[in-house]
Amino acid sequence: MCLAVPGKIVEIFEQDGLQMAKVDYGGIFRETCLDYVPEAKVGDYCVIHVGFAISLMNEKEALETLSLLKQISNFEEEIGPG
């Protein structure tokens, strides 16, 4: 199963010839490759899969998705694994 997570681009830079970004996942920051979404800009939300931004999404959809992921995480904490 694959999971793609939305994040907000807070910085764009070039590294080794690749367009890269610093992305905020609700307080957790990671570097992400933007080569698949060259139109991305600071402030955009993008869907990230294994370190690559694969598409852009609007803020409303991104925040709804992040909220659902948080609810799933909280549910697992309440009932335990498996």
N, C-alpha and C. Protein backbone atom coordinates (compact mmCIF):
# COMPACT_ATOMS: atom_id res chain seq x y z
N MET A 1 0.85 -1.18 0.00
CA MET A 1 0.00 0.00 0.00
C MET A 1 0.89 1.23 0.00
N CYS A 2 0.52 2.22 -0.77
CA CYS A 2 1.26 3.48 -0.85
C CYS A 2 0.48 4.56 -0.11
N LEU A 3 1.21 5.48 0.47
CA LEU A 3 0.59 6.59 1.17
C LEU A 3 1.26 7.87 0.72
N ALA A 4 0.48 8.81 0.26
CA ALA A 4 0.98 10.13 -0.10
C ALA A 4 0.39 11.12 0.90
N VAL A 5 1.23 12.01 1.40
CA VAL A 5 0.84 12.93 2.46
C VAL A 5 0.96 14.37 1.96
N PRO A 6 -0.04 15.23 2.23
CA PRO A 6 0.08 16.62 1.82
C PRO A 6 0.97 17.42 2.76
N GLY A 7 1.65 18.40 2.20
CA GLY A 7 2.48 19.30 2.99
C GLY A 7 2.51 20.66 2.34
N LYS A 8 2.91 21.67 3.11
CA LYS A 8 2.96 23.05 2.62
C LYS A 8 4.41 23.44 2.33
N ILE A 9 4.64 23.95 1.14
CA ILE A 9 5.97 24.38 0.75
C ILE A 9 6.31 25.69 1.46
N VAL A 10 7.42 25.69 2.21
CA VAL A 10 7.82 26.89 2.93
C VAL A 10 9.10 27.50 2.38
N GLU A 11 9.82 26.75 1.56
CA GLU A 11 11.06 27.25 0.97
C GLU A 11 11.37 26.44 -0.28
N ILE A 12 11.88 27.10 -1.31
CA ILE A 12 12.28 26.41 -2.54
C ILE A 12 13.75 26.73 -2.80
N PHE A 13 14.51 25.70 -3.19
CA PHE A 13 15.94 25.88 -3.45
C PHE A 13 16.40 24.82 -4.45
N GLU A 14 17.60 24.99 -4.96
CA GLU A 14 18.17 24.01 -5.89
C GLU A 14 19.27 23.24 -5.16
N GLN A 15 19.29 21.94 -5.41
CA GLN A 15 20.32 21.09 -4.81
C GLN A 15 20.75 20.05 -5.84
N ASP A 16 22.01 20.05 -6.20
CA ASP A 16 22.54 19.09 -7.18
C ASP A 16 21.75 19.09 -8.48
N GLY A 17 21.32 20.25 -8.92
CA GLY A 17 20.59 20.38 -10.17
C GLY A 17 19.11 20.03 -10.08
N LEU A 18 18.61 19.74 -8.89
CA LEU A 18 17.20 19.41 -8.70
C LEU A 18 16.48 20.55 -8.00
N GLN A 19 15.23 20.79 -8.41
CA GLN A 19 14.38 21.76 -7.72
C GLN A 19 13.87 21.09 -6.45
N MET A 20 14.20 21.66 -5.29
CA MET A 20 13.86 21.07 -4.00
C MET A 20 13.03 22.04 -3.18
N ALA A 21 12.39 21.52 -2.13
CA ALA A 21 11.61 22.36 -1.24
C ALA A 21 11.74 21.86 0.18
N LYS A 22 11.59 22.80 1.09
CA LYS A 22 11.40 22.46 2.50
C LYS A 22 9.88 22.47 2.69
N VAL A 23 9.34 21.34 3.17
CA VAL A 23 7.89 21.18 3.26
C VAL A 23 7.49 20.96 4.72
N ASP A 24 6.42 21.64 5.12
CA ASP A 24 5.88 21.56 6.48
C ASP A 24 4.71 20.59 6.51
N TYR A 25 4.85 19.54 7.33
CA TYR A 25 3.78 18.56 7.54
C TYR A 25 3.19 18.80 8.92
N GLY A 26 2.66 19.98 9.17
CA GLY A 26 2.07 20.27 10.47
C GLY A 26 3.10 20.36 11.58
N GLY A 27 4.23 21.00 11.31
CA GLY A 27 5.26 21.16 12.32
C GLY A 27 6.48 20.28 12.13
N ILE A 28 6.39 19.31 11.27
CA ILE A 28 7.52 18.46 10.91
C ILE A 28 7.98 18.87 9.53
N PHE A 29 9.26 19.19 9.38
CA PHE A 29 9.79 19.70 8.12
C PHE A 29 10.69 18.66 7.47
N ARG A 30 10.51 18.48 6.15
CA ARG A 30 11.33 17.54 5.38
C ARG A 30 11.65 18.17 4.03
N GLU A 31 12.75 17.72 3.44
CA GLU A 31 13.09 18.13 2.09
C GLU A 31 12.36 17.25 1.09
N THR A 32 11.93 17.87 0.00
CA THR A 32 11.15 17.18 -1.03
C THR A 32 11.60 17.64 -2.41
N CYS A 33 11.66 16.74 -3.35
CA CYS A 33 11.99 17.07 -4.73
C CYS A 33 10.74 17.60 -5.44
N LEU A 34 10.90 18.72 -6.15
CA LEU A 34 9.78 19.35 -6.87
C LEU A 34 9.84 19.15 -8.37
N ASP A 35 10.73 18.32 -8.86
CA ASP A 35 10.89 18.20 -10.31
C ASP A 35 9.63 17.75 -11.04
N TYR A 36 8.72 17.05 -10.38
CA TYR A 36 7.48 16.61 -11.03
C TYR A 36 6.40 17.70 -11.03
N VAL A 37 6.60 18.75 -10.23
CA VAL A 37 5.65 19.86 -10.18
C VAL A 37 6.42 21.19 -10.27
N PRO A 38 7.00 21.46 -11.44
CA PRO A 38 7.84 22.66 -11.59
C PRO A 38 7.09 23.97 -11.38
N GLU A 39 5.77 23.93 -11.45
CA GLU A 39 4.97 25.14 -11.26
C GLU A 39 4.76 25.49 -9.79
N ALA A 40 5.20 24.62 -8.88
CA ALA A 40 5.00 24.82 -7.43
C ALA A 40 5.72 26.07 -6.96
N LYS A 41 5.10 26.74 -5.97
CA LYS A 41 5.71 27.92 -5.38
C LYS A 41 5.50 27.90 -3.86
N VAL A 42 6.26 28.75 -3.17
CA VAL A 42 6.14 28.84 -1.72
C VAL A 42 4.69 29.15 -1.35
N GLY A 43 4.16 28.43 -0.38
CA GLY A 43 2.77 28.60 0.06
C GLY A 43 1.82 27.57 -0.52
N ASP A 44 2.23 26.89 -1.60
CA ASP A 44 1.40 25.84 -2.19
C ASP A 44 1.41 24.59 -1.32
N TYR A 45 0.33 23.84 -1.41
CA TYR A 45 0.27 22.52 -0.80
C TYR A 45 0.50 21.48 -1.89
N CYS A 46 1.26 20.47 -1.58
CA CYS A 46 1.52 19.42 -2.55
C CYS A 46 1.39 18.06 -1.89
N VAL A 47 1.13 17.07 -2.72
CA VAL A 47 1.04 15.68 -2.25
C VAL A 47 2.44 15.08 -2.41
N ILE A 48 2.96 14.52 -1.34
CA ILE A 48 4.32 13.99 -1.32
C ILE A 48 4.26 12.47 -1.21
N HIS A 49 5.04 11.82 -2.06
CA HIS A 49 5.18 10.36 -1.99
C HIS A 49 6.66 10.02 -2.11
N VAL A 50 7.19 9.33 -1.13
CA VAL A 50 8.60 8.93 -1.05
C VAL A 50 9.58 10.04 -1.43
N GLY A 51 9.34 11.24 -0.89
CA GLY A 51 10.27 12.33 -1.09
C GLY A 51 10.07 13.14 -2.36
N PHE A 52 9.04 12.83 -3.13
CA PHE A 52 8.75 13.57 -4.36
C PHE A 52 7.36 14.19 -4.29
N ALA A 53 7.27 15.48 -4.63
CA ALA A 53 5.97 16.11 -4.79
C ALA A 53 5.38 15.60 -6.10
N ILE A 54 4.21 14.98 -6.04
CA ILE A 54 3.63 14.37 -7.24
C ILE A 54 2.45 15.16 -7.81
N SER A 55 1.89 16.06 -7.01
CA SER A 55 0.82 16.93 -7.50
C SER A 55 0.59 18.05 -6.51
N LEU A 56 -0.09 19.10 -6.97
CA LEU A 56 -0.47 20.20 -6.11
C LEU A 56 -1.92 20.03 -5.71
N MET A 57 -2.28 20.58 -4.57
CA MET A 57 -3.68 20.52 -4.13
C MET A 57 -4.01 21.84 -3.43
N ASN A 58 -5.31 22.13 -3.34
CA ASN A 58 -5.68 23.38 -2.68
C ASN A 58 -5.60 23.23 -1.16
N GLU A 59 -5.55 24.36 -0.48
CA GLU A 59 -5.36 24.36 0.97
C GLU A 59 -6.48 23.63 1.71
N LYS A 60 -7.72 23.83 1.27
CA LYS A 60 -8.86 23.19 1.94
C LYS A 60 -8.73 21.67 1.91
N GLU A 61 -8.44 21.12 0.74
CA GLU A 61 -8.27 19.66 0.62
C GLU A 61 -7.10 19.17 1.46
N ALA A 62 -6.01 19.91 1.45
CA ALA A 62 -4.82 19.51 2.21
C ALA A 62 -5.12 19.47 3.70
N LEU A 63 -5.78 20.51 4.22
CA LEU A 63 -6.08 20.55 5.65
C LEU A 63 -7.08 19.48 6.05
N GLU A 64 -8.05 19.19 5.19
CA GLU A 64 -9.00 18.10 5.47
C GLU A 64 -8.29 16.76 5.53
N THR A 65 -7.38 16.53 4.59
CA THR A 65 -6.63 15.27 4.56
C THR A 65 -5.75 15.14 5.79
N LEU A 66 -5.06 16.20 6.17
CA LEU A 66 -4.21 16.16 7.36
C LEU A 66 -5.05 15.91 8.62
N SER A 67 -6.22 16.49 8.68
CA SER A 67 -7.12 16.26 9.82
C SER A 67 -7.54 14.80 9.89
N LEU A 68 -7.88 14.21 8.75
CA LEU A 68 -8.27 12.80 8.73
C LEU A 68 -7.11 11.90 9.15
N LEU A 69 -5.90 12.20 8.68
CA LEU A 69 -4.73 11.41 9.08
C LEU A 69 -4.49 11.51 10.58
N LYS A 70 -4.70 12.69 11.15
CA LYS A 70 -4.55 12.87 12.59
C LYS A 70 -5.60 12.07 13.34
N GLN A 71 -6.84 12.07 12.85
CA GLN A 71 -7.91 11.30 13.50
C GLN A 71 -7.58 9.81 13.48
N ILE A 72 -7.05 9.32 12.36
CA ILE A 72 -6.66 7.90 12.26
C ILE A 72 -5.58 7.60 13.27
N SER A 73 -4.60 8.47 13.38
CA SER A 73 -3.51 8.28 14.32
C SER A 73 -4.02 8.26 15.75
N ASN A 74 -4.91 9.18 16.09
CA ASN A 74 -5.49 9.22 17.44
C ASN A 74 -6.31 7.97 17.73
N PHE A 75 -7.03 7.47 16.74
CA PHE A 75 -7.84 6.27 16.90
C PHE A 75 -6.95 5.07 17.21
N GLU A 76 -5.83 4.94 16.49
CA GLU A 76 -4.92 3.83 16.74
C GLU A 76 -4.32 3.90 18.13
N GLU A 77 -4.04 5.12 18.63
CA GLU A 77 -3.50 5.27 19.97
C GLU A 77 -4.54 4.81 21.00
N GLU A 78 -5.81 5.09 20.75
CA GLU A 78 -6.86 4.74 21.70
C GLU A 78 -7.11 3.22 21.76
N ILE A 79 -7.08 2.55 20.60
CA ILE A 79 -7.43 1.13 20.61
C ILE A 79 -6.21 0.21 20.62
N GLY A 80 -5.04 0.76 20.36
CA GLY A 80 -3.83 -0.05 20.32
C GLY A 80 -3.60 -0.61 18.94
N PRO A 81 -2.39 -1.13 18.70
CA PRO A 81 -2.05 -1.67 17.38
C PRO A 81 -2.81 -2.95 17.05
N GLY A 82 -3.02 -3.12 15.75
CA GLY A 82 -3.58 -4.37 15.22
C GLY A 82 -4.94 -4.67 15.68
